[in-house]
């Protein structure tokens, strides 16, 4: 009786660890051909053990990341959105991207948050390579909502904010190290001052 391959078990294990792993990476990790990986994946799909999935790699999207800050107030007519109007407004905005609406044709929905503190109540993130399309959506859809009284839009040129901050600081070391060094220098200064005070009292 031919010995059964243990490659399917290894594939399942690797997929459990990282569902985004590619066929090429499976081939490299298992040291088998791409065709062998394809064959075993097809068998696992037919058995219903694995299913194909799709992921968006955001740093591969050649688009700007936009932040839309929204200031709200109770709508003039509470029946428009209900008592929990901020949550209902977030749902209405998110649902707009499920519609076949030309306003969102050039936009990719990111996330939407209700925030506490600051000057705005809701933060919406969008991806687009066309700032005018974002402005059009803000003007024609968001500002038309009775519960929205003001908006502010900004965008980032890269999703890697920490790397950008480190680059701007002129150092390739993590910013936390700078903070720790600064705190250490402060502690040394305090210790030196304490020693001088004790020396004066002794004299």
N, C-alpha and C. Protein backbone atom coordinates (compact mmCIF):
# COMPACT_ATOMS: atom_id res chain seq x y z
N UNK A 1 0.86 -1.20 0.00
CA UNK A 1 0.00 0.00 0.00
C UNK A 1 0.89 1.25 0.00
N UNK A 2 0.68 2.19 -0.94
CA UNK A 2 1.55 3.38 -1.01
C UNK A 2 1.40 4.26 0.23
N UNK A 3 2.53 4.80 0.64
CA UNK A 3 2.52 5.67 1.84
C UNK A 3 1.87 7.00 1.50
N UNK A 4 0.95 7.43 2.40
CA UNK A 4 0.23 8.67 2.15
C UNK A 4 1.12 9.87 2.48
N UNK A 5 1.10 10.89 1.61
CA UNK A 5 1.92 12.07 1.80
C UNK A 5 1.45 12.87 3.02
N UNK A 6 2.42 13.44 3.74
CA UNK A 6 2.06 14.29 4.87
C UNK A 6 2.05 15.77 4.50
N UNK A 7 2.21 16.06 3.19
CA UNK A 7 2.20 17.45 2.75
C UNK A 7 0.88 18.15 3.06
N UNK A 8 -0.30 17.51 2.85
CA UNK A 8 -1.55 18.21 3.17
C UNK A 8 -1.61 18.67 4.62
N UNK A 9 -1.12 17.85 5.57
CA UNK A 9 -1.12 18.24 6.98
C UNK A 9 -0.22 19.45 7.21
N UNK A 10 0.92 19.45 6.53
CA UNK A 10 1.83 20.58 6.67
C UNK A 10 1.23 21.85 6.08
N UNK A 11 0.53 21.71 4.95
CA UNK A 11 -0.14 22.86 4.35
C UNK A 11 -1.19 23.43 5.30
N UNK A 12 -1.98 22.55 5.89
CA UNK A 12 -3.02 22.99 6.85
C UNK A 12 -2.38 23.71 8.03
N UNK A 13 -1.27 23.19 8.53
CA UNK A 13 -0.58 23.80 9.65
C UNK A 13 -0.07 25.19 9.30
N UNK A 14 0.54 25.32 8.12
CA UNK A 14 1.07 26.62 7.71
C UNK A 14 -0.05 27.63 7.46
N UNK A 15 -1.16 27.17 6.87
CA UNK A 15 -2.30 28.06 6.64
C UNK A 15 -2.94 28.49 7.96
N UNK A 16 -2.92 27.62 8.95
CA UNK A 16 -3.47 27.97 10.26
C UNK A 16 -2.62 29.04 10.93
N UNK A 17 -1.30 28.96 10.73
CA UNK A 17 -0.40 29.96 11.30
C UNK A 17 -0.53 31.30 10.58
N UNK A 18 -0.64 31.24 9.24
CA UNK A 18 -0.70 32.47 8.45
C UNK A 18 -1.63 32.26 7.25
N UNK A 19 -2.90 32.67 7.37
CA UNK A 19 -3.86 32.47 6.26
C UNK A 19 -3.50 33.24 4.99
N UNK A 20 -2.59 34.23 5.10
CA UNK A 20 -2.24 35.03 3.93
C UNK A 20 -1.05 34.47 3.16
N UNK A 21 -0.51 33.34 3.60
CA UNK A 21 0.66 32.77 2.93
C UNK A 21 0.31 32.41 1.49
N UNK A 22 1.25 32.64 0.57
CA UNK A 22 1.00 32.40 -0.85
C UNK A 22 1.41 30.98 -1.25
N UNK A 23 0.99 30.57 -2.45
CA UNK A 23 1.39 29.26 -2.96
C UNK A 23 2.91 29.18 -3.13
N UNK A 24 3.51 30.29 -3.59
CA UNK A 24 4.96 30.31 -3.76
C UNK A 24 5.66 30.12 -2.41
N UNK A 25 5.15 30.77 -1.37
CA UNK A 25 5.76 30.63 -0.04
C UNK A 25 5.57 29.22 0.51
N UNK A 26 4.41 28.62 0.25
CA UNK A 26 4.19 27.23 0.67
C UNK A 26 5.19 26.31 -0.02
N UNK A 27 5.40 26.56 -1.29
CA UNK A 27 6.35 25.73 -2.04
C UNK A 27 7.75 25.84 -1.46
N UNK A 28 8.16 27.07 -1.09
CA UNK A 28 9.49 27.27 -0.52
C UNK A 28 9.61 26.65 0.87
N UNK A 29 8.59 26.84 1.69
CA UNK A 29 8.63 26.32 3.07
C UNK A 29 8.63 24.79 3.09
N UNK A 30 7.87 24.18 2.21
CA UNK A 30 7.74 22.72 2.19
C UNK A 30 8.80 22.05 1.31
N UNK A 31 9.53 22.91 0.55
CA UNK A 31 10.56 22.37 -0.35
C UNK A 31 9.98 21.36 -1.35
N UNK A 32 8.84 21.73 -1.92
CA UNK A 32 8.21 20.93 -2.96
C UNK A 32 7.88 21.85 -4.12
N UNK A 33 7.52 21.31 -5.25
CA UNK A 33 7.22 22.13 -6.43
C UNK A 33 5.91 22.89 -6.26
N UNK A 34 5.80 23.97 -7.03
CA UNK A 34 4.58 24.76 -7.05
C UNK A 34 3.39 23.90 -7.50
N UNK A 35 3.64 23.03 -8.46
CA UNK A 35 2.58 22.16 -8.98
C UNK A 35 2.08 21.21 -7.90
N UNK A 36 2.99 20.72 -7.04
CA UNK A 36 2.59 19.82 -5.95
C UNK A 36 1.70 20.56 -4.95
N UNK A 37 2.07 21.80 -4.65
CA UNK A 37 1.25 22.61 -3.73
C UNK A 37 -0.13 22.82 -4.34
N UNK A 38 -0.19 23.16 -5.62
CA UNK A 38 -1.46 23.36 -6.31
C UNK A 38 -2.34 22.11 -6.21
N UNK A 39 -1.74 20.95 -6.45
CA UNK A 39 -2.49 19.70 -6.44
C UNK A 39 -3.08 19.43 -5.07
N UNK A 40 -2.28 19.60 -4.00
CA UNK A 40 -2.77 19.31 -2.66
C UNK A 40 -3.81 20.36 -2.20
N UNK A 41 -3.61 21.61 -2.60
CA UNK A 41 -4.59 22.64 -2.25
C UNK A 41 -5.93 22.35 -2.93
N UNK A 42 -5.87 21.90 -4.18
CA UNK A 42 -7.10 21.57 -4.90
C UNK A 42 -7.85 20.44 -4.19
N UNK A 43 -7.11 19.41 -3.74
CA UNK A 43 -7.73 18.29 -3.02
C UNK A 43 -8.35 18.76 -1.71
N UNK A 44 -7.64 19.63 -0.98
CA UNK A 44 -8.15 20.15 0.29
C UNK A 44 -9.39 21.01 0.07
N UNK A 45 -9.44 21.75 -1.03
CA UNK A 45 -10.62 22.55 -1.36
C UNK A 45 -11.81 21.65 -1.68
N UNK A 46 -11.55 20.58 -2.43
CA UNK A 46 -12.63 19.65 -2.77
C UNK A 46 -13.19 18.97 -1.53
N UNK A 47 -12.34 18.76 -0.52
CA UNK A 47 -12.80 18.15 0.73
C UNK A 47 -13.45 19.18 1.66
N UNK A 48 -13.38 20.46 1.28
CA UNK A 48 -13.98 21.51 2.10
C UNK A 48 -13.15 21.89 3.31
N UNK A 49 -11.87 21.50 3.32
CA UNK A 49 -11.01 21.80 4.46
C UNK A 49 -10.46 23.22 4.37
N UNK A 50 -10.13 23.66 3.15
CA UNK A 50 -9.66 25.03 2.95
C UNK A 50 -10.52 25.68 1.87
N UNK A 51 -10.58 27.00 1.94
CA UNK A 51 -11.33 27.76 0.92
C UNK A 51 -10.45 28.91 0.45
N UNK A 52 -10.55 29.31 -0.82
CA UNK A 52 -9.77 30.46 -1.30
C UNK A 52 -10.21 31.73 -0.59
N UNK A 53 -9.28 32.64 -0.38
CA UNK A 53 -9.61 33.93 0.24
C UNK A 53 -8.79 35.01 -0.44
N UNK A 54 -9.23 36.25 -0.26
CA UNK A 54 -8.54 37.39 -0.85
C UNK A 54 -8.24 38.40 0.24
N UNK A 55 -7.07 39.00 0.20
CA UNK A 55 -6.66 40.01 1.16
C UNK A 55 -6.19 41.25 0.42
N UNK A 56 -6.46 42.41 1.00
CA UNK A 56 -5.97 43.66 0.44
C UNK A 56 -4.70 44.04 1.19
N UNK A 57 -3.59 44.12 0.48
CA UNK A 57 -2.34 44.56 1.07
C UNK A 57 -2.29 46.07 0.90
N UNK A 58 -2.60 46.79 1.98
CA UNK A 58 -2.84 48.22 1.86
C UNK A 58 -1.60 48.99 1.42
N UNK A 59 -0.40 48.53 1.82
CA UNK A 59 0.78 49.27 1.40
C UNK A 59 1.12 49.02 -0.06
N UNK A 60 0.39 48.14 -0.73
CA UNK A 60 0.56 47.92 -2.17
C UNK A 60 -0.41 48.77 -2.99
N UNK A 61 -1.42 49.33 -2.31
CA UNK A 61 -2.39 50.17 -3.02
C UNK A 61 -1.73 51.51 -3.33
N UNK A 62 -1.64 51.85 -4.58
CA UNK A 62 -1.00 53.10 -4.96
C UNK A 62 -2.02 54.23 -4.84
N UNK A 63 -2.44 54.48 -3.61
CA UNK A 63 -3.42 55.52 -3.33
C UNK A 63 -3.02 56.25 -2.06
N UNK A 64 -3.53 57.46 -1.90
CA UNK A 64 -3.32 58.21 -0.67
C UNK A 64 -4.30 57.74 0.39
N UNK A 65 -3.89 57.86 1.65
CA UNK A 65 -4.77 57.58 2.78
C UNK A 65 -5.32 58.91 3.28
N UNK A 66 -6.64 59.04 3.26
CA UNK A 66 -7.30 60.28 3.67
C UNK A 66 -7.96 60.11 5.04
N UNK A 67 -7.89 61.15 5.85
CA UNK A 67 -8.57 61.21 7.14
C UNK A 67 -9.62 62.32 7.07
N UNK A 68 -10.88 61.95 7.23
CA UNK A 68 -11.96 62.93 7.23
C UNK A 68 -12.50 63.04 8.65
N UNK A 69 -12.27 64.19 9.27
CA UNK A 69 -12.77 64.45 10.63
C UNK A 69 -14.15 65.10 10.54
N UNK A 70 -15.08 64.60 11.32
CA UNK A 70 -16.48 65.03 11.21
C UNK A 70 -16.97 65.53 12.56
N UNK A 71 -17.52 66.73 12.58
CA UNK A 71 -18.16 67.29 13.78
C UNK A 71 -19.67 67.16 13.62
N UNK A 72 -20.33 66.61 14.64
CA UNK A 72 -21.77 66.35 14.54
C UNK A 72 -22.55 67.08 15.63
N UNK A 73 -23.85 67.11 15.43
CA UNK A 73 -24.78 67.58 16.45
C UNK A 73 -26.09 66.83 16.24
N UNK A 74 -26.97 66.87 17.25
CA UNK A 74 -28.27 66.21 17.11
C UNK A 74 -28.97 66.73 15.86
N UNK A 75 -29.47 65.82 15.01
CA UNK A 75 -30.16 66.29 13.80
C UNK A 75 -31.41 67.09 14.17
N UNK A 76 -31.76 67.99 13.25
CA UNK A 76 -32.94 68.84 13.50
C UNK A 76 -34.19 68.01 13.73
N UNK A 77 -34.31 66.94 12.99
CA UNK A 77 -35.43 66.03 13.16
C UNK A 77 -34.88 64.69 13.67
N UNK A 78 -35.10 64.34 14.95
CA UNK A 78 -34.55 63.10 15.51
C UNK A 78 -34.96 61.85 14.75
N UNK A 79 -36.07 61.94 14.00
CA UNK A 79 -36.52 60.77 13.25
C UNK A 79 -35.59 60.44 12.09
N UNK A 80 -34.72 61.41 11.70
CA UNK A 80 -33.81 61.18 10.57
C UNK A 80 -32.86 60.02 10.87
N UNK A 81 -32.28 60.02 12.07
CA UNK A 81 -31.29 58.99 12.40
C UNK A 81 -31.59 58.24 13.69
N UNK A 82 -32.46 58.77 14.50
CA UNK A 82 -32.77 58.10 15.77
C UNK A 82 -31.98 58.69 16.92
N UNK A 83 -32.16 58.10 18.10
CA UNK A 83 -31.53 58.62 19.31
C UNK A 83 -30.02 58.50 19.25
N UNK A 84 -29.52 57.32 18.89
CA UNK A 84 -28.07 57.10 18.80
C UNK A 84 -27.62 57.55 17.41
N UNK A 85 -27.64 58.85 17.17
CA UNK A 85 -27.47 59.35 15.82
C UNK A 85 -26.04 59.18 15.30
N UNK A 86 -25.05 59.23 16.18
CA UNK A 86 -23.67 59.08 15.71
C UNK A 86 -23.41 57.67 15.17
N UNK A 87 -23.88 56.67 15.91
CA UNK A 87 -23.71 55.29 15.45
C UNK A 87 -24.48 55.05 14.15
N UNK A 88 -25.69 55.59 14.09
CA UNK A 88 -26.49 55.45 12.87
C UNK A 88 -25.85 56.18 11.69
N UNK A 89 -25.22 57.32 11.97
CA UNK A 89 -24.54 58.07 10.93
C UNK A 89 -23.34 57.30 10.39
N UNK A 90 -22.58 56.66 11.28
CA UNK A 90 -21.44 55.85 10.86
C UNK A 90 -21.90 54.71 9.95
N UNK A 91 -23.00 54.07 10.33
CA UNK A 91 -23.52 52.97 9.51
C UNK A 91 -23.98 53.48 8.14
N UNK A 92 -24.62 54.64 8.13
CA UNK A 92 -25.10 55.21 6.87
C UNK A 92 -23.94 55.53 5.94
N UNK A 93 -22.84 56.07 6.50
CA UNK A 93 -21.67 56.40 5.69
C UNK A 93 -21.04 55.12 5.15
N UNK A 94 -20.87 54.10 6.01
CA UNK A 94 -20.26 52.84 5.57
C UNK A 94 -21.13 52.16 4.51
N UNK A 95 -22.45 52.21 4.70
CA UNK A 95 -23.36 51.57 3.74
C UNK A 95 -23.30 52.24 2.37
N UNK A 96 -22.93 53.52 2.34
CA UNK A 96 -22.86 54.24 1.07
C UNK A 96 -21.86 53.59 0.12
N UNK A 97 -20.84 52.95 0.69
CA UNK A 97 -19.81 52.34 -0.14
C UNK A 97 -20.24 50.97 -0.67
N UNK A 98 -21.38 50.48 -0.19
CA UNK A 98 -21.94 49.24 -0.73
C UNK A 98 -22.86 49.53 -1.90
N UNK A 99 -23.24 50.80 -2.06
CA UNK A 99 -24.15 51.18 -3.14
C UNK A 99 -23.37 51.42 -4.44
N UNK A 100 -24.04 51.29 -5.54
CA UNK A 100 -23.44 51.58 -6.84
C UNK A 100 -23.60 53.07 -7.13
N UNK A 101 -22.84 53.87 -6.37
CA UNK A 101 -22.98 55.31 -6.42
C UNK A 101 -21.73 55.92 -7.06
N UNK A 102 -21.88 56.76 -8.08
CA UNK A 102 -20.71 57.39 -8.71
C UNK A 102 -19.87 58.20 -7.72
N UNK A 103 -20.48 58.67 -6.63
CA UNK A 103 -19.74 59.47 -5.66
C UNK A 103 -18.58 58.70 -5.02
N UNK A 104 -18.74 57.38 -4.90
CA UNK A 104 -17.71 56.58 -4.22
C UNK A 104 -16.93 55.71 -5.20
N UNK A 105 -17.13 55.95 -6.48
CA UNK A 105 -16.52 55.09 -7.51
C UNK A 105 -14.99 55.07 -7.41
N UNK A 106 -14.39 56.22 -7.07
CA UNK A 106 -12.92 56.31 -7.01
C UNK A 106 -12.39 56.20 -5.58
N UNK A 107 -13.22 55.78 -4.66
CA UNK A 107 -12.83 55.73 -3.25
C UNK A 107 -12.84 54.30 -2.73
N UNK A 108 -11.94 54.01 -1.80
CA UNK A 108 -11.94 52.74 -1.08
C UNK A 108 -12.18 53.05 0.39
N UNK A 109 -13.21 52.44 0.94
CA UNK A 109 -13.55 52.65 2.35
C UNK A 109 -12.49 52.01 3.23
N UNK A 110 -12.03 52.76 4.24
CA UNK A 110 -11.07 52.23 5.20
C UNK A 110 -11.77 51.82 6.48
N UNK A 111 -11.87 52.76 7.43
CA UNK A 111 -12.56 52.51 8.69
C UNK A 111 -13.28 53.78 9.11
N UNK A 112 -14.17 53.64 10.10
CA UNK A 112 -14.87 54.80 10.64
C UNK A 112 -14.97 54.62 12.15
N UNK A 113 -14.66 55.68 12.89
CA UNK A 113 -14.62 55.62 14.35
C UNK A 113 -15.45 56.75 14.95
N UNK A 114 -16.07 56.46 16.08
CA UNK A 114 -16.61 57.51 16.94
C UNK A 114 -15.54 57.79 17.98
N UNK A 115 -15.13 59.06 18.12
CA UNK A 115 -14.04 59.41 19.02
C UNK A 115 -14.54 60.31 20.14
N UNK A 116 -13.85 60.24 21.26
CA UNK A 116 -14.16 61.07 22.44
C UNK A 116 -13.00 62.02 22.67
N UNK A 117 -13.30 63.27 22.88
CA UNK A 117 -12.25 64.27 23.04
C UNK A 117 -11.85 64.84 21.69
N UNK A 118 -11.11 65.93 21.73
CA UNK A 118 -10.71 66.57 20.47
C UNK A 118 -11.81 67.48 19.95
N UNK A 119 -11.63 67.91 18.72
CA UNK A 119 -12.56 68.89 18.15
C UNK A 119 -13.61 68.25 17.23
N UNK A 120 -13.48 66.95 16.96
CA UNK A 120 -14.42 66.25 16.09
C UNK A 120 -14.93 64.98 16.75
N UNK A 121 -16.05 64.46 16.27
CA UNK A 121 -16.71 63.31 16.90
C UNK A 121 -16.50 62.00 16.14
N UNK A 122 -16.25 62.09 14.84
CA UNK A 122 -16.13 60.89 13.99
C UNK A 122 -14.91 61.05 13.08
N UNK A 123 -14.15 59.98 12.94
CA UNK A 123 -13.01 59.96 12.01
C UNK A 123 -13.29 58.89 10.95
N UNK A 124 -13.23 59.28 9.69
CA UNK A 124 -13.42 58.38 8.56
C UNK A 124 -12.11 58.29 7.78
N UNK A 125 -11.67 57.06 7.46
CA UNK A 125 -10.47 56.91 6.64
C UNK A 125 -10.86 56.36 5.27
N UNK A 126 -10.25 56.91 4.23
CA UNK A 126 -10.53 56.53 2.85
C UNK A 126 -9.22 56.39 2.08
N UNK A 127 -9.23 55.58 1.03
CA UNK A 127 -8.10 55.48 0.11
C UNK A 127 -8.55 55.96 -1.27
N UNK A 128 -7.71 56.79 -1.88
CA UNK A 128 -8.01 57.25 -3.24
C UNK A 128 -6.76 57.89 -3.82
N UNK A 129 -6.65 57.85 -5.15
CA UNK A 129 -5.56 58.58 -5.81
C UNK A 129 -6.07 59.90 -6.38
N UNK A 130 -7.30 60.27 -6.02
CA UNK A 130 -7.91 61.48 -6.56
C UNK A 130 -8.48 62.32 -5.41
N UNK A 131 -7.73 63.34 -4.94
CA UNK A 131 -8.24 64.19 -3.86
C UNK A 131 -9.56 64.87 -4.20
N UNK A 132 -9.77 65.17 -5.49
CA UNK A 132 -11.03 65.81 -5.88
C UNK A 132 -12.22 64.90 -5.63
N UNK A 133 -12.03 63.58 -5.83
CA UNK A 133 -13.12 62.62 -5.58
C UNK A 133 -13.47 62.59 -4.10
N UNK A 134 -12.46 62.70 -3.24
CA UNK A 134 -12.71 62.75 -1.80
C UNK A 134 -13.46 64.04 -1.45
N UNK A 135 -12.98 65.15 -1.99
CA UNK A 135 -13.65 66.43 -1.73
C UNK A 135 -15.09 66.43 -2.21
N UNK A 136 -15.34 65.81 -3.36
CA UNK A 136 -16.69 65.73 -3.90
C UNK A 136 -17.60 64.92 -2.97
N UNK A 137 -17.08 63.80 -2.44
CA UNK A 137 -17.85 62.97 -1.52
C UNK A 137 -18.16 63.72 -0.23
N UNK A 138 -17.17 64.42 0.27
CA UNK A 138 -17.36 65.19 1.51
C UNK A 138 -18.40 66.28 1.31
N UNK A 139 -18.30 67.00 0.21
CA UNK A 139 -19.20 68.13 -0.04
C UNK A 139 -20.63 67.69 -0.36
N UNK A 140 -20.77 66.72 -1.24
CA UNK A 140 -22.10 66.36 -1.73
C UNK A 140 -22.82 65.35 -0.86
N UNK A 141 -22.09 64.51 -0.12
CA UNK A 141 -22.75 63.50 0.71
C UNK A 141 -22.67 63.84 2.19
N UNK A 142 -21.45 64.01 2.72
CA UNK A 142 -21.32 64.22 4.16
C UNK A 142 -21.96 65.53 4.60
N UNK A 143 -21.64 66.62 3.94
CA UNK A 143 -22.15 67.92 4.38
C UNK A 143 -23.63 68.10 4.10
N UNK A 144 -24.20 67.19 3.33
CA UNK A 144 -25.65 67.24 3.11
C UNK A 144 -26.41 66.62 4.27
N UNK A 145 -25.69 65.93 5.17
CA UNK A 145 -26.34 65.30 6.32
C UNK A 145 -26.67 66.34 7.38
N UNK A 146 -27.92 66.39 7.87
CA UNK A 146 -28.29 67.38 8.89
C UNK A 146 -27.48 67.25 10.18
N UNK A 147 -27.02 66.03 10.50
CA UNK A 147 -26.28 65.81 11.75
C UNK A 147 -24.83 66.26 11.66
N UNK A 148 -24.34 66.58 10.47
CA UNK A 148 -22.94 66.98 10.30
C UNK A 148 -22.87 68.50 10.15
N UNK A 149 -22.10 69.13 11.03
CA UNK A 149 -22.00 70.59 11.00
C UNK A 149 -20.67 71.08 10.45
N UNK A 150 -19.63 70.22 10.45
CA UNK A 150 -18.34 70.64 9.92
C UNK A 150 -17.49 69.41 9.60
N UNK A 151 -16.59 69.56 8.63
CA UNK A 151 -15.65 68.48 8.29
C UNK A 151 -14.27 69.07 8.06
N UNK A 152 -13.27 68.21 8.20
CA UNK A 152 -11.89 68.61 7.92
C UNK A 152 -11.19 67.41 7.30
N UNK A 153 -10.45 67.61 6.22
CA UNK A 153 -9.81 66.51 5.50
C UNK A 153 -8.30 66.69 5.45
N UNK A 154 -7.59 65.59 5.70
CA UNK A 154 -6.13 65.58 5.58
C UNK A 154 -5.74 64.25 4.97
N UNK A 155 -4.51 64.15 4.43
CA UNK A 155 -4.10 62.86 3.88
C UNK A 155 -2.61 62.63 4.11
N UNK A 156 -2.26 61.34 4.13
CA UNK A 156 -0.87 60.91 4.32
C UNK A 156 -0.35 60.37 3.00
N UNK A 157 0.94 60.61 2.74
CA UNK A 157 1.54 60.12 1.50
C UNK A 157 2.02 58.69 1.63
N UNK A 158 2.11 58.17 2.85
CA UNK A 158 2.57 56.80 3.08
C UNK A 158 1.84 56.22 4.27
N UNK A 159 1.51 54.91 4.27
CA UNK A 159 0.87 54.30 5.43
C UNK A 159 1.85 53.96 6.54
N UNK A 160 3.19 54.09 6.27
CA UNK A 160 4.18 53.70 7.27
C UNK A 160 4.55 54.92 8.11
N UNK A 161 3.69 55.29 9.04
CA UNK A 161 3.86 56.51 9.80
C UNK A 161 5.08 56.48 10.71
N UNK A 162 5.32 55.34 11.36
CA UNK A 162 6.44 55.26 12.28
C UNK A 162 7.76 55.43 11.55
N UNK A 163 7.88 54.78 10.38
CA UNK A 163 9.10 54.92 9.59
C UNK A 163 9.28 56.37 9.15
N UNK A 164 8.17 57.01 8.79
CA UNK A 164 8.25 58.40 8.35
C UNK A 164 8.72 59.29 9.51
N UNK A 165 8.21 59.06 10.72
CA UNK A 165 8.60 59.87 11.86
C UNK A 165 10.08 59.69 12.19
N UNK A 166 10.55 58.44 12.09
CA UNK A 166 11.96 58.17 12.38
C UNK A 166 12.85 58.86 11.35
N UNK A 167 12.42 58.80 10.07
CA UNK A 167 13.20 59.43 9.02
C UNK A 167 13.26 60.93 9.21
N UNK A 168 12.14 61.54 9.59
CA UNK A 168 12.11 62.97 9.79
C UNK A 168 12.94 63.39 11.00
N UNK A 169 13.09 62.48 11.99
CA UNK A 169 13.86 62.80 13.18
C UNK A 169 15.36 62.74 12.92
N UNK A 170 15.76 62.21 11.75
CA UNK A 170 17.16 62.12 11.40
C UNK A 170 17.88 60.98 12.05
N UNK A 171 17.16 59.97 12.50
CA UNK A 171 17.77 58.83 13.16
C UNK A 171 17.10 57.56 12.69
N UNK A 172 17.88 56.48 12.60
CA UNK A 172 17.30 55.20 12.22
C UNK A 172 16.98 54.35 13.45
N UNK A 173 17.12 54.94 14.66
CA UNK A 173 16.82 54.20 15.87
C UNK A 173 15.37 54.45 16.28
N UNK A 174 14.73 53.51 16.97
CA UNK A 174 13.34 53.71 17.41
C UNK A 174 13.21 54.95 18.29
N UNK A 175 12.10 55.67 18.12
CA UNK A 175 11.89 56.89 18.89
C UNK A 175 11.84 56.62 20.38
N UNK A 176 11.41 55.43 20.79
CA UNK A 176 11.32 55.14 22.21
C UNK A 176 12.69 55.18 22.87
N UNK A 177 13.74 54.83 22.11
CA UNK A 177 15.09 54.89 22.66
C UNK A 177 15.47 56.31 22.98
N UNK A 178 15.09 57.24 22.13
CA UNK A 178 15.37 58.64 22.39
C UNK A 178 14.69 59.11 23.66
N UNK A 179 13.44 58.65 23.85
CA UNK A 179 12.70 59.04 25.04
C UNK A 179 13.36 58.49 26.29
N UNK A 180 13.80 57.21 26.22
CA UNK A 180 14.44 56.60 27.37
C UNK A 180 15.75 57.29 27.71
N UNK A 181 16.53 57.67 26.67
CA UNK A 181 17.79 58.36 26.92
C UNK A 181 17.54 59.72 27.55
N UNK A 182 16.51 60.40 27.08
CA UNK A 182 16.18 61.70 27.63
C UNK A 182 15.80 61.58 29.10
N UNK A 183 14.99 60.52 29.42
CA UNK A 183 14.60 60.30 30.81
C UNK A 183 15.81 59.96 31.66
N UNK A 184 16.76 59.18 31.11
CA UNK A 184 17.97 58.80 31.85
C UNK A 184 18.81 60.03 32.16
N UNK A 185 18.97 60.92 31.16
CA UNK A 185 19.73 62.15 31.39
C UNK A 185 19.08 62.99 32.48
N UNK A 186 17.73 63.03 32.48
CA UNK A 186 17.02 63.79 33.51
C UNK A 186 17.25 63.21 34.89
N UNK A 187 17.23 61.88 34.99
CA UNK A 187 17.46 61.24 36.29
C UNK A 187 18.88 61.51 36.80
N UNK A 188 19.87 61.45 35.87
CA UNK A 188 21.25 61.73 36.26
C UNK A 188 21.40 63.16 36.76
N UNK A 189 20.72 64.09 36.09
CA UNK A 189 20.78 65.50 36.50
C UNK A 189 20.18 65.68 37.88
N UNK A 190 19.02 65.01 38.13
CA UNK A 190 18.39 65.10 39.45
C UNK A 190 19.29 64.51 40.53
N UNK A 191 19.96 63.40 40.22
CA UNK A 191 20.85 62.76 41.19
C UNK A 191 22.03 63.66 41.52
N UNK A 192 22.58 64.33 40.51
CA UNK A 192 23.71 65.24 40.73
C UNK A 192 23.30 66.41 41.60
N UNK A 193 22.09 66.94 41.35
CA UNK A 193 21.60 68.05 42.17
C UNK A 193 21.41 67.63 43.62
N UNK A 194 20.90 66.41 43.83
CA UNK A 194 20.71 65.90 45.19
C UNK A 194 22.03 65.77 45.91
N UNK A 195 23.06 65.30 45.21
CA UNK A 195 24.38 65.16 45.82
C UNK A 195 24.95 66.51 46.23
N UNK A 196 24.73 67.54 45.39
CA UNK A 196 25.23 68.88 45.73
C UNK A 196 24.53 69.43 46.96
N UNK A 197 23.20 69.17 47.07
CA UNK A 197 22.44 69.64 48.24
C UNK A 197 22.96 68.97 49.51
N UNK A 198 23.22 67.65 49.41
CA UNK A 198 23.72 66.93 50.60
C UNK A 198 25.10 67.42 51.01
N UNK A 199 25.93 67.76 49.99
CA UNK A 199 27.28 68.25 50.28
C UNK A 199 27.22 69.59 51.00
N UNK A 200 26.28 70.45 50.56
CA UNK A 200 26.15 71.78 51.21
C UNK A 200 25.69 71.64 52.66
N UNK A 201 24.75 70.71 52.91
CA UNK A 201 24.28 70.52 54.28
C UNK A 201 25.39 69.98 55.17
N UNK A 202 26.20 69.11 54.62
CA UNK A 202 27.29 68.51 55.41
C UNK A 202 28.33 69.54 55.79
N UNK A 203 28.54 70.54 54.88
CA UNK A 203 29.54 71.56 55.17
C UNK A 203 28.97 72.61 56.11
